[in-house]
Amino acid sequence: MNAARTFATAGRVLRQLSHDPRSIALLLLMPSLLVGLFAWLFNDQPGAFDQFGGPILALFPFILMFVITSVTTLRERRSGTLERLMTTPLGKADFIAGYALAFGLAAIVQAIVTVGFAVLVCGLEVTGPIWQLGLVAVLDALLGTGLGLLASAFARTEFQAVQFMPVLVFPQILLGGLLMPRDQMPDALHAISDWLPLSYAVDAVNAVAAGDEGWDLGKPLVVIAGVTILALGLAALTLRRRTP
């Protein structure tokens, strides 16, 4: 992997993104709007938003980055852009790393906007530092980016890329601890949830909300980062130049 080619790829993606107002709005504004809607929904139930608002911050960036990354990467392959790029010294790892870097920067901005909106406008209260909540949101967005890049390698159309959501995203929502604490699930489902990265995203948010420190917070963050790196590595290995 070459750093110069990686940064060049990231710059190209960011320039393309800057000329797409709808994608920018989806990345930066939609998570805040969804968080605001969620806060409004529980407005008459004191404490409910503080309980569920944190996990929601882990969920929305993950889903949006998964969709945007998988569809955008697939579009580059179907349009022939990726095949033309592969005729240059650019390698698959450079391409994947460049995309991860570009969307990682977008994820940082997204996290700042979303967490700021949740805390300052919606009144979300957590015991731990706010920057830790932002860190979890960034890692979750990067996790969605990594899985989105991996899913794009196995899809032939944008519709197929979106169809991976029931396989890779929905089970994690159901078993990740958002709807029910994982320790209250049947043993078999609890065991499955231990292998789902979004479970650790919810654990990390809950740890920040409770003010936990040390390994209680560090373990889920390490797992999320490890799965993200693994997904990016597999995406680089399985990336195809074009769609048959």
Protein backbone atom coordinates (compact mmCIF):
# COMPACT_ATOMS: atom_id res chain seq x y z
CA MET A 1 0.00 0.00 0.00
CA ASN A 2 1.31 3.44 -0.99
CA ALA A 3 0.50 6.45 1.19
CA ALA A 4 0.53 8.94 -1.70
CA ARG A 5 -1.92 6.89 -3.75
CA THR A 6 -4.11 6.35 -0.70
CA PHE A 7 -4.32 10.08 0.03
CA ALA A 8 -4.94 10.81 -3.64
CA THR A 9 -7.87 8.38 -3.65
CA ALA A 10 -9.25 9.91 -0.45
CA GLY A 11 -8.98 13.39 -1.97
CA ARG A 12 -10.83 12.29 -5.10
CA VAL A 13 -13.65 10.76 -3.06
CA LEU A 14 -13.96 13.89 -0.91
CA ARG A 15 -14.08 16.11 -4.02
CA GLN A 16 -16.82 13.96 -5.49
CA LEU A 17 -18.69 14.06 -2.21
CA SER A 18 -18.43 17.85 -2.03
CA HIS A 19 -20.30 18.09 -5.36
CA ASP A 20 -23.16 15.90 -4.11
CA PRO A 21 -25.34 17.98 -1.74
CA ARG A 22 -27.81 15.14 -1.22
CA SER A 23 -25.11 12.77 0.05
CA ILE A 24 -23.72 15.51 2.30
CA ALA A 25 -27.18 16.13 3.73
CA LEU A 26 -27.70 12.40 4.23
CA LEU A 27 -24.35 12.05 5.99
CA LEU A 28 -24.50 15.11 8.22
CA LEU A 29 -28.15 15.99 8.76
CA MET A 30 -30.12 12.76 8.62
CA PRO A 31 -28.63 11.21 11.81
CA SER A 32 -29.46 14.38 13.76
CA LEU A 33 -32.99 14.48 12.37
CA LEU A 34 -33.53 10.84 13.34
CA VAL A 35 -32.12 11.45 16.82
CA GLY A 36 -34.37 14.47 17.18
CA LEU A 37 -37.40 12.46 16.09
CA PHE A 38 -36.49 9.77 18.60
CA ALA A 39 -36.13 12.34 21.40
CA TRP A 40 -39.48 13.87 20.48
CA LEU A 41 -41.09 10.44 20.54
CA PHE A 42 -40.05 9.96 24.19
CA ASN A 43 -40.55 13.57 25.21
CA ASP A 44 -43.29 12.71 27.74
CA GLN A 45 -41.31 9.84 29.30
CA PRO A 46 -38.60 11.27 31.57
CA GLY A 47 -35.33 9.39 31.36
CA ALA A 48 -36.33 7.31 28.33
CA PHE A 49 -34.21 9.28 25.88
CA ASP A 50 -31.20 9.13 28.20
CA GLN A 51 -31.59 5.35 28.28
CA PHE A 52 -32.03 4.75 24.55
CA GLY A 53 -30.48 7.85 23.01
CA GLY A 54 -26.91 6.61 23.39
CA PRO A 55 -27.44 3.29 21.59
CA ILE A 56 -29.32 5.16 18.87
CA LEU A 57 -26.18 7.26 18.34
CA ALA A 58 -24.33 4.01 17.75
CA LEU A 59 -26.94 2.72 15.33
CA PHE A 60 -27.69 5.53 12.87
CA PRO A 61 -24.08 6.34 11.80
CA PHE A 62 -23.43 2.63 11.32
CA ILE A 63 -26.45 2.14 9.04
CA LEU A 64 -25.97 5.31 6.97
CA MET A 65 -22.26 4.73 6.36
CA PHE A 66 -22.97 1.12 5.39
CA VAL A 67 -25.51 2.17 2.76
CA ILE A 68 -23.57 5.12 1.34
CA THR A 69 -20.24 3.30 1.18
CA SER A 70 -21.57 0.11 -0.39
CA VAL A 71 -23.62 1.95 -3.03
CA THR A 72 -20.88 4.47 -3.87
CA THR A 73 -18.20 1.81 -4.27
CA LEU A 74 -20.43 -0.37 -6.39
CA ARG A 75 -21.27 2.60 -8.61
CA GLU A 76 -17.56 3.17 -9.25
CA ARG A 77 -17.17 -0.43 -10.32
CA ARG A 78 -20.26 -0.50 -12.53
CA SER A 79 -19.31 2.77 -14.24
CA GLY A 80 -15.89 1.40 -15.15
CA THR A 81 -14.05 3.95 -12.99
CA LEU A 82 -12.50 1.28 -10.81
CA GLU A 83 -11.31 -0.73 -13.80
CA ARG A 84 -9.63 2.36 -15.25
CA LEU A 85 -8.02 3.13 -11.91
CA MET A 86 -6.68 -0.42 -11.69
CA THR A 87 -4.74 0.13 -14.93
CA THR A 88 -2.66 2.70 -13.02
CA PRO A 89 -0.24 1.85 -10.19
CA LEU A 90 -3.19 2.15 -7.78
CA GLY A 91 -3.68 -1.12 -5.89
CA LYS A 92 -6.76 -2.59 -4.28
CA ALA A 93 -5.45 -1.81 -0.81
CA ASP A 94 -4.81 1.81 -1.84
CA PHE A 95 -8.38 2.09 -3.13
CA ILE A 96 -9.95 0.60 0.00
CA ALA A 97 -7.72 2.59 2.36
CA GLY A 98 -8.47 5.79 0.45
CA TYR A 99 -12.20 5.22 0.71
CA ALA A 100 -11.90 4.36 4.39
CA LEU A 101 -9.89 7.52 5.02
CA ALA A 102 -12.32 9.76 3.12
CA PHE A 103 -15.41 8.38 4.80
CA GLY A 104 -13.56 8.28 8.11
CA LEU A 105 -13.11 12.06 7.89
CA ALA A 106 -16.79 12.37 6.98
CA ALA A 107 -17.61 10.17 9.98
CA ILE A 108 -15.73 12.49 12.32
CA VAL A 109 -17.73 15.49 11.12
CA GLN A 110 -20.92 13.43 11.28
CA ALA A 111 -20.17 12.38 14.87
CA ILE A 112 -19.48 15.96 15.97
CA VAL A 113 -22.76 17.18 14.45
CA THR A 114 -24.88 14.28 15.69
CA VAL A 115 -23.49 14.08 19.23
CA GLY A 116 -23.60 17.86 19.55
CA PHE A 117 -27.23 17.91 18.44
CA ALA A 118 -28.17 15.06 20.80
CA VAL A 119 -26.52 16.71 23.81
CA LEU A 120 -27.15 20.41 23.20
CA VAL A 121 -30.54 20.32 21.51
CA CYS A 122 -32.16 17.06 22.60
CA GLY A 123 -30.74 17.14 26.14
CA LEU A 124 -29.02 13.74 26.17
CA GLU A 125 -27.20 13.23 29.46
CA VAL A 126 -24.34 10.79 29.99
CA THR A 127 -22.10 10.28 32.99
CA GLY A 128 -18.92 9.85 30.98
CA PRO A 129 -17.12 12.53 28.93
CA ILE A 130 -18.89 13.68 25.79
CA TRP A 131 -15.75 13.13 23.68
CA GLN A 132 -15.96 9.41 24.47
CA LEU A 133 -19.48 9.36 23.07
CA GLY A 134 -18.17 11.02 19.92
CA LEU A 135 -15.35 8.48 19.69
CA VAL A 136 -17.83 5.61 19.81
CA ALA A 137 -19.95 7.26 17.11
CA VAL A 138 -16.88 7.64 14.86
CA LEU A 139 -15.84 4.01 15.35
CA ASP A 140 -19.38 2.85 14.61
CA ALA A 141 -19.43 4.88 11.40
CA LEU A 142 -16.08 3.38 10.41
CA LEU A 143 -17.47 -0.07 11.16
CA GLY A 144 -20.35 0.65 8.79
CA THR A 145 -17.84 1.87 6.20
CA GLY A 146 -15.76 -1.32 6.47
CA LEU A 147 -18.76 -3.63 6.21
CA GLY A 148 -20.19 -1.52 3.37
CA LEU A 149 -16.96 -1.83 1.38
CA LEU A 150 -16.96 -5.57 2.01
CA ALA A 151 -20.62 -5.95 0.97
CA SER A 152 -20.05 -3.99 -2.25
CA ALA A 153 -17.61 -6.67 -3.44
CA PHE A 154 -20.40 -9.26 -3.54
CA ALA A 155 -23.18 -7.12 -5.06
CA ARG A 156 -23.83 -6.51 -8.75
CA THR A 157 -26.35 -3.68 -8.44
CA GLU A 158 -27.10 -0.92 -5.95
CA PHE A 159 -30.30 -2.74 -5.07
CA GLN A 160 -28.35 -5.88 -4.22
CA ALA A 161 -26.01 -3.81 -2.04
CA VAL A 162 -28.98 -2.54 -0.06
CA GLN A 163 -30.28 -6.11 0.19
CA PHE A 164 -27.27 -6.99 2.33
CA MET A 165 -28.83 -4.95 5.13
CA PRO A 166 -31.18 -7.78 6.22
CA VAL A 167 -28.14 -10.06 6.36
CA LEU A 168 -25.50 -7.84 7.95
CA VAL A 169 -27.42 -5.06 9.70
CA PHE A 170 -30.89 -6.12 10.86
CA PRO A 171 -29.78 -9.14 12.93
CA GLN A 172 -27.31 -6.90 14.72
CA ILE A 173 -30.07 -4.40 15.51
CA LEU A 174 -32.26 -7.13 16.96
CA LEU A 175 -29.53 -8.90 18.94
CA GLY A 176 -27.18 -6.02 19.71
CA GLY A 177 -28.80 -5.07 22.99
CA LEU A 178 -30.79 -2.10 21.72
CA LEU A 179 -34.23 -3.67 22.12
CA MET A 180 -33.39 -5.96 25.04
CA PRO A 181 -30.37 -6.26 27.35
CA ARG A 182 -28.20 -9.04 26.02
CA ASP A 183 -27.95 -10.77 29.39
CA GLN A 184 -31.73 -11.24 29.34
CA MET A 185 -31.76 -13.00 25.96
CA PRO A 186 -32.05 -16.77 25.57
CA ASP A 187 -28.64 -18.41 25.88
CA ALA A 188 -28.40 -19.25 22.18
CA LEU A 189 -29.20 -15.69 21.08
CA HIS A 190 -26.84 -14.27 23.69
CA ALA A 191 -24.06 -16.45 22.31
CA ILE A 192 -24.79 -15.23 18.77
CA SER A 193 -24.81 -11.60 19.90
CA ASP A 194 -21.28 -12.03 21.26
CA TRP A 195 -20.10 -12.39 17.64
CA LEU A 196 -21.90 -9.30 16.34
CA PRO A 197 -19.83 -6.10 16.29
CA LEU A 198 -22.83 -3.82 16.83
CA SER A 199 -23.31 -5.51 20.21
CA TYR A 200 -20.00 -4.04 21.30
CA ALA A 201 -20.98 -0.64 19.92
CA VAL A 202 -24.02 -0.65 22.18
CA ASP A 203 -21.86 -1.90 25.08
CA ALA A 204 -19.43 0.98 24.49
CA VAL A 205 -22.20 3.58 24.49
CA ASN A 206 -23.72 2.11 27.65
CA ALA A 207 -20.28 2.19 29.28
CA VAL A 208 -19.93 5.90 28.45
CA ALA A 209 -23.46 6.58 29.68
CA ALA A 210 -22.66 4.85 32.98
CA GLY A 211 -19.29 6.55 33.36
CA ASP A 212 -17.36 3.27 33.17
CA GLU A 213 -13.65 3.40 32.44
CA GLY A 214 -10.78 1.00 31.85
CA TRP A 215 -11.43 -2.33 30.18
CA ASP A 216 -15.23 -1.97 30.49
CA LEU A 217 -14.98 0.73 27.85
CA GLY A 218 -11.73 -0.33 26.21
CA LYS A 219 -12.82 -3.89 25.34
CA PRO A 220 -15.77 -2.98 23.08
CA LEU A 221 -13.74 -0.23 21.41
CA VAL A 222 -10.93 -2.69 20.65
CA VAL A 223 -13.41 -5.20 19.24
CA ILE A 224 -15.06 -2.57 17.00
CA ALA A 225 -11.68 -1.37 15.72
CA GLY A 226 -10.52 -4.96 15.12
CA VAL A 227 -13.64 -5.91 13.15
CA THR A 228 -13.35 -2.73 11.10
CA ILE A 229 -9.73 -3.49 10.17
CA LEU A 230 -10.67 -7.09 9.35
CA ALA A 231 -13.57 -5.95 7.14
CA LEU A 232 -11.32 -3.50 5.29
CA GLY A 233 -8.71 -6.21 4.75
CA LEU A 234 -11.30 -8.64 3.39
CA ALA A 235 -12.75 -5.88 1.21
CA ALA A 236 -9.32 -5.30 -0.34
CA LEU A 237 -8.90 -9.04 -1.02
CA THR A 238 -12.37 -9.49 -2.56
CA LEU A 239 -12.61 -6.21 -4.50
CA ARG A 240 -13.41 -6.79 -8.17
CA ARG A 241 -12.44 -4.42 -10.96
CA ARG A 242 -15.81 -4.55 -12.63
CA THR A 243 -19.25 -6.12 -12.33
CA PRO A 244 -19.81 -9.05 -14.75
